[in-house]
Amino acid sequence: MHDSLQVLSKKAAQALREAKTVDALKEVEREFLGKNGQVTGLLKGVKDLPDDEKRLFGKAVNDLKAELEGLLESRRHELQRAEIDAALENDWLDLSAPGEKFATGHIHPLAQVQREVETIFQQMGFSIIDGPEIESEFYNFEGLNIPSYHPARDMQDTFFIDKEADPVEGKLVLRTQTSPNQLRAMKKYGAPLRIIVPGRVFRNEATDASHEHTFDQVEGLLIDKDISIANLKGTMQEFLTRLFKREVKVRFRPGYFPFVEPGLELDMSCPFCTDGCRVCKRSGWIEFMGSGMVHPNVLRAGGVDPNEYQGWAFGFGLTRLVMMRYGIDDIRHLQSGDLRFNEQF
């Protein structure tokens, strides 16, 4: 029996030496060490031997298997090295040719502009904060001087969460604005305070080219002593000039927002033209954002004494800013996930 193992060993070793390619070596491996190979067959037959022969013959077969596996691996390395050497000798390789370019993604236009906005305000001393997208009625409405009878509380304008209302803070709602973070920041950091809050907001809107149920805003808040609208005007004029990389002027118009008094609409001079264009509707001015001096009731709700501190706040649509900057005519493109649109930026 051991003589047959020696014959098999010599036969397998010779076949391994004579294999000239890696594919031929695989055939030899299948013949001797494969699932139905000769050595594997011997191992399967060990269980049928008498007990006194199982141990000795089983060890001999396993030794043969280990020996052939070592020879196989050594021969595989030899053949692979030979193939590489032949390819280097016979094939011409242009080392100066450019490699294969892999497609990579890039930052979404909304995120690009948000980064720019954050960088400019940070350079002006503002901190960037974030807050929950699911808010209570207190933070989203009442603490911002928006009473229960205000239209924004209506189910037609707001997404309410189907959960039992808290006895103090009321129902949960998808935030309709980033303004709740004014209160959260005042409660956490006190005054003085200088922050901006970029983030998503949600409205129960019928979607079309200019309306979407989910969009992005940037909230701004500055609270300190001896603060006036003049500080707001200078801050926004500097911000817009840096953002559009050309001088931008701003002007105020009266406007109503429950959480500021007085309330102001801020327009900016068109950054795309000098004598009127499609973006500014030939007027030279673009309506940009709502703003104003923080209402005393809001300061009190945030734990700040309105007799000691004043402040101003603003909020503008980051999504609208992106559309204006890149000439996008349908707000739905920004949330579509359509690569044909995203690849343009």
C-alpha atoms as a PDB file:
ATOM      1  CA  MET A   1       0.000   0.000   0.000  1.00  0.00           C
ATOM      2  CA  HIS A   2       2.851   2.342   0.834  1.00  0.00           C
ATOM      3  CA  ASP A   3       4.471   1.437  -2.497  1.00  0.00           C
ATOM      4  CA  SER A   4       1.378   2.715  -4.298  1.00  0.00           C
ATOM      5  CA  LEU A   5       1.726   6.018  -2.415  1.00  0.00           C
ATOM      6  CA  GLN A   6       5.320   6.367  -3.626  1.00  0.00           C
ATOM      7  CA  VAL A   7       4.254   5.733  -7.209  1.00  0.00           C
ATOM      8  CA  LEU A   8       1.449   8.288  -6.876  1.00  0.00           C
ATOM      9  CA  SER A   9       3.874  10.788  -5.347  1.00  0.00           C
ATOM     10  CA  LYS A  10       6.332  10.458  -8.245  1.00  0.00           C
ATOM     11  CA  LYS A  11       3.526  10.655 -10.813  1.00  0.00           C
ATOM     12  CA  ALA A  12       2.088  13.836  -9.275  1.00  0.00           C
ATOM     13  CA  ALA A  13       5.502  15.497  -8.871  1.00  0.00           C
ATOM     14  CA  GLN A  14       6.320  14.794 -12.522  1.00  0.00           C
ATOM     15  CA  ALA A  15       2.970  16.213 -13.669  1.00  0.00           C
ATOM     16  CA  LEU A  16       3.583  19.377 -11.649  1.00  0.00           C
ATOM     17  CA  ARG A  17       7.033  19.851 -13.188  1.00  0.00           C
ATOM     18  CA  GLU A  18       5.711  19.334 -16.703  1.00  0.00           C
ATOM     19  CA  ALA A  19       2.892  21.877 -16.349  1.00  0.00           C
ATOM     20  CA  LYS A  20       3.948  24.833 -18.518  1.00  0.00           C
ATOM     21  CA  THR A  21       1.164  27.287 -17.707  1.00  0.00           C
ATOM     22  CA  VAL A  22      -0.945  28.292 -14.727  1.00  0.00           C
ATOM     23  CA  ASP A  23      -4.030  26.816 -16.411  1.00  0.00           C
ATOM     24  CA  ALA A  24      -2.225  23.499 -16.945  1.00  0.00           C
ATOM     25  CA  LEU A  25      -1.213  23.547 -13.284  1.00  0.00           C
ATOM     26  CA  LYS A  26      -4.856  23.892 -12.285  1.00  0.00           C
ATOM     27  CA  GLU A  27      -5.665  20.733 -14.252  1.00  0.00           C
ATOM     28  CA  VAL A  28      -2.919  18.829 -12.382  1.00  0.00           C
ATOM     29  CA  GLU A  29      -4.291  20.144  -9.079  1.00  0.00           C
ATOM     30  CA  ARG A  30      -7.789  18.908  -9.963  1.00  0.00           C
ATOM     31  CA  GLU A  31      -6.415  15.492 -10.990  1.00  0.00           C
ATOM     32  CA  PHE A  32      -4.604  14.796  -7.716  1.00  0.00           C
ATOM     33  CA  LEU A  33      -5.937  17.191  -5.034  1.00  0.00           C
ATOM     34  CA  GLY A  34      -9.373  18.164  -6.333  1.00  0.00           C
ATOM     35  CA  LYS A  35     -12.709  17.032  -4.944  1.00  0.00           C
ATOM     36  CA  ASN A  36     -12.524  13.834  -6.998  1.00  0.00           C
ATOM     37  CA  GLY A  37      -8.717  13.693  -7.174  1.00  0.00           C
ATOM     38  CA  GLN A  38      -6.578  10.619  -6.582  1.00  0.00           C
ATOM     39  CA  VAL A  39      -5.129  11.727  -3.235  1.00  0.00           C
ATOM     40  CA  THR A  40      -8.554  12.864  -2.042  1.00  0.00           C
ATOM     41  CA  GLY A  41      -9.946   9.437  -2.977  1.00  0.00           C
ATOM     42  CA  LEU A  42      -7.334   7.746  -0.820  1.00  0.00           C
ATOM     43  CA  LEU A  43      -8.255   9.933   2.137  1.00  0.00           C
ATOM     44  CA  LYS A  44     -11.919   9.068   1.741  1.00  0.00           C
ATOM     45  CA  GLY A  45     -11.029   5.344   1.801  1.00  0.00           C
ATOM     46  CA  VAL A  46      -9.137   5.513   5.098  1.00  0.00           C
ATOM     47  CA  LYS A  47     -12.382   5.041   7.072  1.00  0.00           C
ATOM     48  CA  ASP A  48     -12.895   1.597   5.486  1.00  0.00           C
ATOM     49  CA  LEU A  49      -9.497   0.214   6.602  1.00  0.00           C
ATOM     50  CA  PRO A  50      -8.976  -1.982   9.647  1.00  0.00           C
ATOM     51  CA  ASP A  51      -8.338  -0.050  12.812  1.00  0.00           C
ATOM     52  CA  ASP A  52      -4.682  -1.065  12.992  1.00  0.00           C
ATOM     53  CA  GLU A  53      -4.021   0.377   9.502  1.00  0.00           C
ATOM     54  CA  LYS A  54      -6.102   3.576   9.687  1.00  0.00           C
ATOM     55  CA  ARG A  55      -3.580   5.586  11.703  1.00  0.00           C
ATOM     56  CA  LEU A  56      -0.455   4.705   9.739  1.00  0.00           C
ATOM     57  CA  PHE A  57      -1.999   4.895   6.274  1.00  0.00           C
ATOM     58  CA  GLY A  58      -3.995   8.032   7.108  1.00  0.00           C
ATOM     59  CA  LYS A  59      -0.811   9.785   8.266  1.00  0.00           C
ATOM     60  CA  ALA A  60       1.042   8.715   5.116  1.00  0.00           C
ATOM     61  CA  VAL A  61      -1.707  10.039   2.833  1.00  0.00           C
ATOM     62  CA  ASN A  62      -1.872  13.346   4.716  1.00  0.00           C
ATOM     63  CA  ASP A  63       1.925  13.687   4.455  1.00  0.00           C
ATOM     64  CA  LEU A  64       1.668  13.082   0.709  1.00  0.00           C
ATOM     65  CA  LYS A  65      -1.090  15.678   0.406  1.00  0.00           C
ATOM     66  CA  ALA A  66       0.973  18.278   2.299  1.00  0.00           C
ATOM     67  CA  GLU A  67       4.025  17.522   0.144  1.00  0.00           C
ATOM     68  CA  LEU A  68       2.075  17.915  -3.112  1.00  0.00           C
ATOM     69  CA  GLU A  69       0.427  21.141  -1.923  1.00  0.00           C
ATOM     70  CA  GLY A  70       3.886  22.574  -1.204  1.00  0.00           C
ATOM     71  CA  LEU A  71       5.166  21.543  -4.654  1.00  0.00           C
ATOM     72  CA  LEU A  72       2.001  22.971  -6.233  1.00  0.00           C
ATOM     73  CA  GLU A  73       2.399  26.371  -4.570  1.00  0.00           C
ATOM     74  CA  SER A  74       6.081  26.545  -5.469  1.00  0.00           C
ATOM     75  CA  ARG A  75       5.389  25.654  -9.112  1.00  0.00           C
ATOM     76  CA  ARG A  76       2.554  28.237  -9.244  1.00  0.00           C
ATOM     77  CA  HIS A  77       4.925  31.007  -8.143  1.00  0.00           C
ATOM     78  CA  GLU A  78       7.471  29.910 -10.768  1.00  0.00           C
ATOM     79  CA  LEU A  79       4.916  29.982 -13.581  1.00  0.00           C
ATOM     80  CA  GLN A  80       3.447  33.329 -12.512  1.00  0.00           C
ATOM     81  CA  ARG A  81       6.900  34.900 -12.358  1.00  0.00           C
ATOM     82  CA  ALA A  82       7.709  33.456 -15.788  1.00  0.00           C
ATOM     83  CA  GLU A  83       4.508  34.939 -17.251  1.00  0.00           C
ATOM     84  CA  ILE A  84       5.333  38.372 -15.798  1.00  0.00           C
ATOM     85  CA  ASP A  85       8.908  38.242 -17.117  1.00  0.00           C
ATOM     86  CA  ALA A  86       7.663  37.229 -20.567  1.00  0.00           C
ATOM     87  CA  ALA A  87       5.117  40.056 -20.608  1.00  0.00           C
ATOM     88  CA  LEU A  88       7.741  42.621 -19.610  1.00  0.00           C
ATOM     89  CA  GLU A  89      10.106  41.339 -22.270  1.00  0.00           C
ATOM     90  CA  ASN A  90       7.651  41.001 -25.133  1.00  0.00           C
ATOM     91  CA  ASP A  91       5.033  43.702 -24.446  1.00  0.00           C
ATOM     92  CA  TRP A  92       5.776  47.437 -24.809  1.00  0.00           C
ATOM     93  CA  LEU A  93       4.643  49.537 -21.867  1.00  0.00           C
ATOM     94  CA  ASP A  94       4.340  53.318 -22.173  1.00  0.00           C
ATOM     95  CA  LEU A  95       5.075  54.549 -18.659  1.00  0.00           C
ATOM     96  CA  SER A  96       4.201  58.122 -19.657  1.00  0.00           C
ATOM     97  CA  ALA A  97       0.616  57.249 -20.644  1.00  0.00           C
ATOM     98  CA  PRO A  98      -2.029  58.622 -18.260  1.00  0.00           C
ATOM     99  CA  GLY A  99      -3.714  56.124 -15.980  1.00  0.00           C
ATOM    100  CA  GLU A 100      -7.375  55.239 -16.033  1.00  0.00           C
ATOM    101  CA  LYS A 101      -9.484  58.061 -14.649  1.00  0.00           C
ATOM    102  CA  PHE A 102     -12.126  56.986 -12.168  1.00  0.00           C
ATOM    103  CA  ALA A 103     -15.354  58.930 -11.899  1.00  0.00           C
ATOM    104  CA  THR A 104     -15.692  60.745  -8.584  1.00  0.00           C
ATOM    105  CA  GLY A 105     -18.550  62.702  -7.108  1.00  0.00           C
ATOM    106  CA  HIS A 106     -18.556  66.307  -5.962  1.00  0.00           C
ATOM    107  CA  ILE A 107     -20.315  68.510  -3.453  1.00  0.00           C
ATOM    108  CA  HIS A 108     -23.969  69.312  -4.108  1.00  0.00           C
ATOM    109  CA  PRO A 109     -24.591  72.977  -5.101  1.00  0.00           C
ATOM    110  CA  LEU A 110     -26.634  73.528  -1.926  1.00  0.00           C
ATOM    111  CA  ALA A 111     -23.743  72.312   0.224  1.00  0.00           C
ATOM    112  CA  GLN A 112     -21.240  74.358  -1.802  1.00  0.00           C
ATOM    113  CA  VAL A 113     -23.092  77.617  -1.190  1.00  0.00           C
ATOM    114  CA  GLN A 114     -23.781  76.727   2.449  1.00  0.00           C
ATOM    115  CA  ARG A 115     -20.042  76.288   3.014  1.00  0.00           C
ATOM    116  CA  GLU A 116     -19.352  79.691   1.515  1.00  0.00           C
ATOM    117  CA  VAL A 117     -22.055  81.323   3.648  1.00  0.00           C
ATOM    118  CA  GLU A 118     -20.739  79.690   6.817  1.00  0.00           C
ATOM    119  CA  THR A 119     -17.141  80.671   6.049  1.00  0.00           C
ATOM    120  CA  ILE A 120     -18.016  84.336   5.488  1.00  0.00           C
ATOM    121  CA  PHE A 121     -20.074  84.617   8.671  1.00  0.00           C
ATOM    122  CA  GLN A 122     -17.397  82.824  10.702  1.00  0.00           C
ATOM    123  CA  GLN A 123     -14.864  85.370   9.453  1.00  0.00           C
ATOM    124  CA  MET A 124     -17.242  88.046  10.749  1.00  0.00           C
ATOM    125  CA  GLY A 125     -17.341  86.499  14.236  1.00  0.00           C
ATOM    126  CA  PHE A 126     -20.522  84.418  14.016  1.00  0.00           C
ATOM    127  CA  SER A 127     -20.810  80.871  15.350  1.00  0.00           C
ATOM    128  CA  ILE A 128     -22.522  78.106  13.371  1.00  0.00           C
ATOM    129  CA  ILE A 129     -25.127  76.123  15.318  1.00  0.00           C
ATOM    130  CA  ASP A 130     -27.692  73.466  14.496  1.00  0.00           C
ATOM    131  CA  GLY A 131     -30.927  72.296  16.061  1.00  0.00           C
ATOM    132  CA  PRO A 132     -33.620  69.609  15.807  1.00  0.00           C
ATOM    133  CA  GLU A 133     -35.779  69.382  12.707  1.00  0.00           C
ATOM    134  CA  ILE A 134     -38.686  68.114  14.823  1.00  0.00           C
ATOM    135  CA  GLU A 135     -39.697  70.957  17.132  1.00  0.00           C
ATOM    136  CA  SER A 136     -42.348  71.667  19.731  1.00  0.00           C
ATOM    137  CA  GLU A 137     -45.064  74.259  19.189  1.00  0.00           C
ATOM    138  CA  PHE A 138     -43.454  76.416  21.862  1.00  0.00           C
ATOM    139  CA  TYR A 139     -40.104  76.743  20.082  1.00  0.00           C
ATOM    140  CA  ASN A 140     -41.547  76.874  16.582  1.00  0.00           C
ATOM    141  CA  PHE A 141     -44.430  79.260  17.312  1.00  0.00           C
ATOM    142  CA  GLU A 142     -45.323  80.549  20.763  1.00  0.00           C
ATOM    143  CA  GLY A 143     -41.812  81.421  21.937  1.00  0.00           C
ATOM    144  CA  LEU A 144     -41.368  83.354  18.672  1.00  0.00           C
ATOM    145  CA  ASN A 145     -44.399  85.518  19.403  1.00  0.00           C
ATOM    146  CA  ILE A 146     -46.641  83.545  17.028  1.00  0.00           C
ATOM    147  CA  PRO A 147     -49.965  83.012  18.886  1.00  0.00           C
ATOM    148  CA  SER A 148     -52.260  80.038  18.449  1.00  0.00           C
ATOM    149  CA  TYR A 149     -54.560  81.889  16.013  1.00  0.00           C
ATOM    150  CA  HIS A 150     -51.713  82.733  13.595  1.00  0.00           C
ATOM    151  CA  PRO A 151     -52.187  81.186  10.072  1.00  0.00           C
ATOM    152  CA  ALA A 152     -48.855  79.359  10.330  1.00  0.00           C
ATOM    153  CA  ARG A 153     -50.403  77.157  13.018  1.00  0.00           C
ATOM    154  CA  ASP A 154     -52.994  75.827  10.585  1.00  0.00           C
ATOM    155  CA  MET A 155     -52.708  72.204   9.453  1.00  0.00           C
ATOM    156  CA  GLN A 156     -52.693  73.381   5.841  1.00  0.00           C
ATOM    157  CA  ASP A 157     -49.298  75.062   6.330  1.00  0.00           C
ATOM    158  CA  THR A 158     -47.555  72.771   8.792  1.00  0.00           C
ATOM    159  CA  PHE A 159     -46.624  69.106   9.194  1.00  0.00           C
ATOM    160  CA  PHE A 160     -47.632  68.029  12.697  1.00  0.00           C
ATOM    161  CA  ILE A 161     -46.352  64.811  14.277  1.00  0.00           C
ATOM    162  CA  ASP A 162     -49.038  62.309  15.250  1.00  0.00           C
ATOM    163  CA  LYS A 163     -48.091  62.134  18.917  1.00  0.00           C
ATOM    164  CA  GLU A 164     -49.729  63.232  22.146  1.00  0.00           C
ATOM    165  CA  ALA A 165     -49.035  66.900  22.919  1.00  0.00           C
ATOM    166  CA  ASP A 166     -46.746  67.891  25.781  1.00  0.00           C
ATOM    167  CA  PRO A 167     -48.686  69.846  28.435  1.00  0.00           C
ATOM    168  CA  VAL A 168     -46.061  72.629  28.441  1.00  0.00           C
ATOM    169  CA  GLU A 169     -44.557  72.741  24.929  1.00  0.00           C
ATOM    170  CA  GLY A 170     -47.529  71.478  22.934  1.00  0.00           C
ATOM    171  CA  LYS A 171     -47.506  69.262  19.846  1.00  0.00           C
ATOM    172  CA  LEU A 172     -44.479  68.210  17.846  1.00  0.00           C
ATOM    173  CA  VAL A 173     -44.060  69.695  14.384  1.00  0.00           C
ATOM    174  CA  LEU A 174     -41.580  69.595  11.528  1.00  0.00           C
ATOM    175  CA  ARG A 175     -39.997  73.011  11.919  1.00  0.00           C
ATOM    176  CA  THR A 176     -41.348  75.570   9.471  1.00  0.00           C
ATOM    177  CA  GLN A 177     -38.320  77.840   9.922  1.00  0.00           C
ATOM    178  CA  THR A 178     -34.858  77.796  11.496  1.00  0.00           C
ATOM    179  CA  SER A 179     -35.961  80.521  13.960  1.00  0.00           C
ATOM    180  CA  PRO A 180     -36.591  78.101  16.885  1.00  0.00           C
ATOM    181  CA  ASN A 181     -32.842  78.002  17.313  1.00  0.00           C
ATOM    182  CA  GLN A 182     -32.906  81.658  18.330  1.00  0.00           C
ATOM    183  CA  LEU A 183     -34.642  80.560  21.539  1.00  0.00           C
ATOM    184  CA  ARG A 184     -32.507  77.464  22.003  1.00  0.00           C
ATOM    185  CA  ALA A 185     -29.285  79.464  21.593  1.00  0.00           C
ATOM    186  CA  MET A 186     -30.403  82.210  23.987  1.00  0.00           C
ATOM    187  CA  LYS A 187     -31.407  79.652  26.609  1.00  0.00           C
ATOM    188  CA  LYS A 188     -28.104  77.776  26.250  1.00  0.00           C
ATOM    189  CA  TYR A 189     -25.571  80.586  25.748  1.00  0.00           C
ATOM    190  CA  GLY A 190     -27.310  83.707  27.016  1.00  0.00           C
ATOM    191  CA  ALA A 191     -26.258  87.155  25.785  1.00  0.00           C
ATOM    192  CA  PRO A 192     -24.295  88.594  24.057  1.00  0.00           C
ATOM    193  CA  LEU A 193     -24.787  86.209  21.138  1.00  0.00           C
ATOM    194  CA  ARG A 194     -23.817  86.066  17.477  1.00  0.00           C
ATOM    195  CA  ILE A 195     -24.947  83.007  15.493  1.00  0.00           C
ATOM    196  CA  ILE A 196     -26.201  81.729  12.163  1.00  0.00           C
ATOM    197  CA  VAL A 197     -28.294  78.569  11.760  1.00  0.00           C
ATOM    198  CA  PRO A 198     -28.362  76.861   8.356  1.00  0.00           C
ATOM    199  CA  GLY A 199     -30.743  73.945   7.961  1.00  0.00           C
ATOM    200  CA  ARG A 200     -33.748  72.261   6.375  1.00  0.00           C
ATOM    201  CA  VAL A 201     -37.296  73.450   6.995  1.00  0.00           C
ATOM    202  CA  PHE A 202     -40.647  71.955   6.033  1.00  0.00           C
ATOM    203  CA  ARG A 203     -43.913  73.416   4.763  1.00  0.00           C
ATOM    204  CA  ASN A 204     -47.108  71.714   3.688  1.00  0.00           C
ATOM    205  CA  GLU A 205     -46.841  73.191   0.190  1.00  0.00           C
ATOM    206  CA  ALA A 206     -48.238  72.170  -3.174  1.00  0.00           C
ATOM    207  CA  THR A 207     -45.002  71.637  -5.106  1.00  0.00           C
ATOM    208  CA  ASP A 208     -44.302  73.405  -8.377  1.00  0.00           C
ATOM    209  CA  ALA A 209     -41.317  75.093 -10.039  1.00  0.00           C
ATOM    210  CA  SER A 210     -40.983  77.645  -7.224  1.00  0.00           C
ATOM    211  CA  HIS A 211     -42.442  75.791  -4.203  1.00  0.00           C
ATOM    212  CA  GLU A 212     -41.204  72.694  -2.410  1.00  0.00           C
ATOM    213  CA  HIS A 213     -42.208  70.989   0.843  1.00  0.00           C
ATOM    214  CA  THR A 214     -38.555  70.761   1.956  1.00  0.00           C
ATOM    215  CA  PHE A 215     -36.014  73.522   1.461  1.00  0.00           C
ATOM    216  CA  ASP A 216     -33.045  75.174   3.196  1.00  0.00           C
ATOM    217  CA  GLN A 217     -32.823  78.417   5.134  1.00  0.00           C
ATOM    218  CA  VAL A 218     -30.160  80.385   6.974  1.00  0.00           C
ATOM    219  CA  GLU A 219     -31.137  82.101  10.226  1.00  0.00           C
ATOM    220  CA  GLY A 220     -29.034  84.871  11.739  1.00  0.00           C
ATOM    221  CA  LEU A 221     -29.150  86.404  15.223  1.00  0.00           C
ATOM    222  CA  LEU A 222     -27.052  89.040  16.949  1.00  0.00           C
ATOM    223  CA  ILE A 223     -27.779  90.176  20.516  1.00  0.00           C
ATOM    224  CA  ASP A 224     -25.713  92.713  22.409  1.00  0.00           C
ATOM    225  CA  LYS A 225     -25.939  96.127  24.017  1.00  0.00           C
ATOM    226  CA  ASP A 226     -26.489  99.231  21.868  1.00  0.00           C
ATOM    227  CA  ILE A 227     -27.370  97.235  18.730  1.00  0.00           C
ATOM    228  CA  SER A 228     -29.263  98.935  15.894  1.00  0.00           C
ATOM    229  CA  ILE A 229     -30.483  98.341  12.369  1.00  0.00           C
ATOM    230  CA  ALA A 230     -27.346 100.105  11.136  1.00  0.00           C
ATOM    231  CA  ASN A 231     -25.316  97.092  12.335  1.00  0.00           C
ATOM    232  CA  LEU A 232     -27.643  94.766  10.391  1.00  0.00           C
ATOM    233  CA  LYS A 233     -27.307  96.804   7.213  1.00  0.00           C
ATOM    234  CA  GLY A 234     -23.512  96.888   7.394  1.00  0.00           C
ATOM    235  CA  THR A 235     -23.281  93.167   8.181  1.00  0.00           C
ATOM    236  CA  MET A 236     -25.509  92.095   5.284  1.00  0.00           C
ATOM    237  CA  GLN A 237     -23.886  94.456   2.812  1.00  0.00           C
ATOM    238  CA  GLU A 238     -20.458  93.053   3.715  1.00  0.00           C
ATOM    239  CA  PHE A 239     -21.720  89.457   3.580  1.00  0.00           C
ATOM    240  CA  LEU A 240     -23.339  89.817   0.146  1.00  0.00           C
ATOM    241  CA  THR A 241     -20.338  91.665  -1.262  1.00  0.00           C
ATOM    242  CA  ARG A 242     -18.033  88.833  -0.176  1.00  0.00           C
ATOM    243  CA  LEU A 243     -20.430  86.138  -1.395  1.00  0.00           C
ATOM    244  CA  PHE A 244     -20.884  87.559  -4.905  1.00  0.00           C
ATOM    245  CA  LYS A 245     -17.332  88.973  -5.101  1.00  0.00           C
ATOM    246  CA  ARG A 246     -18.533  92.385  -6.229  1.00  0.00           C
ATOM    247  CA  GLU A 247     -19.944  95.396  -4.407  1.00  0.00           C
ATOM    248  CA  VAL A 248     -23.551  94.821  -3.384  1.00  0.00           C
ATOM    249  CA  LYS A 249     -25.795  97.466  -1.821  1.00  0.00           C
ATOM    250  CA  VAL A 250     -28.817  96.803   0.363  1.00  0.00           C
ATOM    251  CA  ARG A 251     -32.021  98.663   1.156  1.00  0.00           C
ATOM    252  CA  PHE A 252     -34.859  98.129   3.632  1.00  0.00           C
ATOM    253  CA  ARG A 253     -38.630  98.133   3.184  1.00  0.00           C
ATOM    254  CA  PRO A 254     -41.243  97.749   5.918  1.00  0.00           C
ATOM    255  CA  GLY A 255     -42.375  94.161   6.464  1.00  0.00           C
ATOM    256  CA  TYR A 256     -44.296  92.152   9.031  1.00  0.00           C
ATOM    257  CA  PHE A 257     -42.839  89.206  10.939  1.00  0.00           C
ATOM    258  CA  PRO A 258     -44.227  88.312  14.393  1.00  0.00           C
ATOM    259  CA  PHE A 259     -40.822  87.769  15.994  1.00  0.00           C
ATOM    260  CA  VAL A 260     -39.284  91.151  15.096  1.00  0.00           C
ATOM    261  CA  GLU A 261     -40.337  94.752  15.676  1.00  0.00           C
ATOM    262  CA  PRO A 262     -39.860  96.685  13.522  1.00  0.00           C
ATOM    263  CA  GLY A 263     -39.942  94.131  10.696  1.00  0.00           C
ATOM    264  CA  LEU A 264     -37.977  94.773   7.523  1.00  0.00           C
ATOM    265  CA  GLU A 265     -37.690  93.323   4.050  1.00  0.00           C
ATOM    266  CA  LEU A 266     -34.129  93.545   2.772  1.00  0.00           C
ATOM    267  CA  ASP A 267     -33.420  93.981  -0.943  1.00  0.00           C
ATOM    268  CA  MET A 268     -29.989  93.760  -2.512  1.00  0.00           C
ATOM    269  CA  SER A 269     -28.722  95.397  -5.657  1.00  0.00           C
ATOM    270  CA  CYS A 270     -28.592  92.872  -8.474  1.00  0.00           C
ATOM    271  CA  PRO A 271     -25.181  91.150  -8.446  1.00  0.00           C
ATOM    272  CA  PHE A 272     -25.633  89.972 -12.033  1.00  0.00           C
ATOM    273  CA  CYS A 273     -26.146  93.243 -13.910  1.00  0.00           C
ATOM    274  CA  THR A 274     -25.721  97.009 -13.832  1.00  0.00           C
ATOM    275  CA  ASP A 275     -28.759  98.166 -15.791  1.00  0.00           C
ATOM    276  CA  GLY A 276     -31.412  95.461 -15.311  1.00  0.00           C
ATOM    277  CA  CYS A 277     -31.655  91.782 -16.268  1.00  0.00           C
ATOM    278  CA  ARG A 278     -33.999  88.778 -16.156  1.00  0.00           C
ATOM    279  CA  VAL A 279     -32.999  87.902 -12.576  1.00  0.00           C
ATOM    280  CA  CYS A 280     -33.927  91.304 -11.120  1.00  0.00           C
ATOM    281  CA  LYS A 281     -36.839  91.768 -13.563  1.00  0.00           C
ATOM    282  CA  ARG A 282     -35.191  94.888 -14.992  1.00  0.00           C
ATOM    283  CA  SER A 283     -35.478  96.692 -11.651  1.00  0.00           C
ATOM    284  CA  GLY A 284     -31.856  96.510 -10.475  1.00  0.00           C
ATOM    285  CA  TRP A 285     -32.993  95.130  -7.075  1.00  0.00           C
ATOM    286  CA  ILE A 286     -33.694  91.612  -5.770  1.00  0.00           C
ATOM    287  CA  GLU A 287     -35.883  90.830  -2.765  1.00  0.00           C
ATOM    288  CA  PHE A 288     -33.577  88.823  -0.532  1.00  0.00           C
ATOM    289  CA  MET A 289     -34.787  88.239   3.021  1.00  0.00           C
ATOM    290  CA  GLY A 290     -36.901  89.173   6.011  1.00  0.00           C
ATOM    291  CA  SER A 291     -35.275  90.753   9.051  1.00  0.00           C
ATOM    292  CA  GLY A 292     -35.749  93.207  11.904  1.00  0.00           C
ATOM    293  CA  MET A 293     -35.081  93.972  15.550  1.00  0.00           C
ATOM    294  CA  VAL A 294     -35.812  91.003  17.822  1.00  0.00           C
ATOM    295  CA  HIS A 295     -39.187  91.406  19.515  1.00  0.00           C
ATOM    296  CA  PRO A 296     -38.952  91.877  23.324  1.00  0.00           C
ATOM    297  CA  ASN A 297     -41.309  88.906  23.804  1.00  0.00           C
ATOM    298  CA  VAL A 298     -38.833  86.664  21.967  1.00  0.00           C
ATOM    299  CA  LEU A 299     -35.945  87.911  24.101  1.00  0.00           C
ATOM    300  CA  ARG A 300     -37.938  87.169  27.246  1.00  0.00           C
ATOM    301  CA  ALA A 301     -38.852  83.676  25.986  1.00  0.00           C
ATOM    302  CA  GLY A 302     -35.134  83.029  25.470  1.00  0.00           C
ATOM    303  CA  GLY A 303     -34.266  84.241  28.975  1.00  0.00           C
ATOM    304  CA  VAL A 304     -32.684  87.566  27.891  1.00  0.00           C
ATOM    305  CA  ASP A 305     -33.648  90.879  29.508  1.00  0.00           C
ATOM    306  CA  PRO A 306     -34.947  93.236  26.753  1.00  0.00           C
ATOM    307  CA  ASN A 307     -34.228  96.252  28.994  1.00  0.00           C
ATOM    308  CA  GLU A 308     -30.519  95.412  28.914  1.00  0.00           C
ATOM    309  CA  TYR A 309     -29.999  93.851  25.472  1.00  0.00           C
ATOM    310  CA  GLN A 310     -31.214  94.453  21.943  1.00  0.00           C
ATOM    311  CA  GLY A 311     -30.710  92.380  18.878  1.00  0.00           C
ATOM    312  CA  TRP A 312     -31.579  91.806  15.266  1.00  0.00           C
ATOM    313  CA  ALA A 313     -32.428  88.687  13.348  1.00  0.00           C
ATOM    314  CA  PHE A 314     -32.729  87.688   9.722  1.00  0.00           C
ATOM    315  CA  GLY A 315     -33.666  84.675   7.673  1.00  0.00           C
ATOM    316  CA  PHE A 316     -33.077  83.990   3.998  1.00  0.00           C
ATOM    317  CA  GLY A 317     -33.704  81.034   1.737  1.00  0.00           C
ATOM    318  CA  LEU A 318     -30.485  79.211   0.973  1.00  0.00           C
ATOM    319  CA  THR A 319     -32.296  77.214  -1.697  1.00  0.00           C
ATOM    320  CA  ARG A 320     -33.494  80.407  -3.395  1.00  0.00           C
ATOM    321  CA  LEU A 321     -29.973  81.850  -3.219  1.00  0.00           C
ATOM    322  CA  VAL A 322     -28.590  78.756  -4.969  1.00  0.00           C
ATOM    323  CA  MET A 323     -31.268  78.961  -7.666  1.00  0.00           C
ATOM    324  CA  MET A 324     -30.531  82.620  -8.258  1.00  0.00           C
ATOM    325  CA  ARG A 325     -26.774  82.128  -8.330  1.00  0.00           C
ATOM    326  CA  TYR A 326     -26.808  79.249 -10.830  1.00  0.00           C
ATOM    327  CA  GLY A 327     -29.839  80.250 -12.880  1.00  0.00           C
ATOM    328  CA  ILE A 328     -31.907  77.206 -11.817  1.00  0.00           C
ATOM    329  CA  ASP A 329     -35.529  77.640 -12.875  1.00  0.00           C
ATOM    330  CA  ASP A 330     -37.140  74.727 -10.977  1.00  0.00           C
ATOM    331  CA  ILE A 331     -36.638  74.217  -7.238  1.00  0.00           C
ATOM    332  CA  ARG A 332     -37.502  70.518  -7.550  1.00  0.00           C
ATOM    333  CA  HIS A 333     -34.219  69.819  -9.370  1.00  0.00           C
ATOM    334  CA  LEU A 334     -32.233  70.378  -6.162  1.00  0.00           C
ATOM    335  CA  GLN A 335     -33.905  67.483  -4.310  1.00  0.00           C
ATOM    336  CA  SER A 336     -34.435  65.177  -7.285  1.00  0.00           C
ATOM    337  CA  GLY A 337     -31.215  63.179  -7.088  1.00  0.00           C
ATOM    338  CA  ASP A 338     -31.049  63.292 -10.900  1.00  0.00           C
ATOM    339  CA  LEU A 339     -27.370  62.922 -11.828  1.00  0.00           C
ATOM    340  CA  ARG A 340     -27.933  64.716 -15.132  1.00  0.00           C
ATOM    341  CA  PHE A 341     -28.704  67.816 -13.094  1.00  0.00           C
ATOM    342  CA  ASN A 342     -26.110  67.363 -10.342  1.00  0.00           C
ATOM    343  CA  GLU A 343     -23.244  66.710 -12.744  1.00  0.00           C
ATOM    344  CA  GLN A 344     -23.539  70.231 -14.133  1.00  0.00           C
ATOM    345  CA  PHE A 345     -22.085  71.772 -10.965  1.00  0.00           C
END
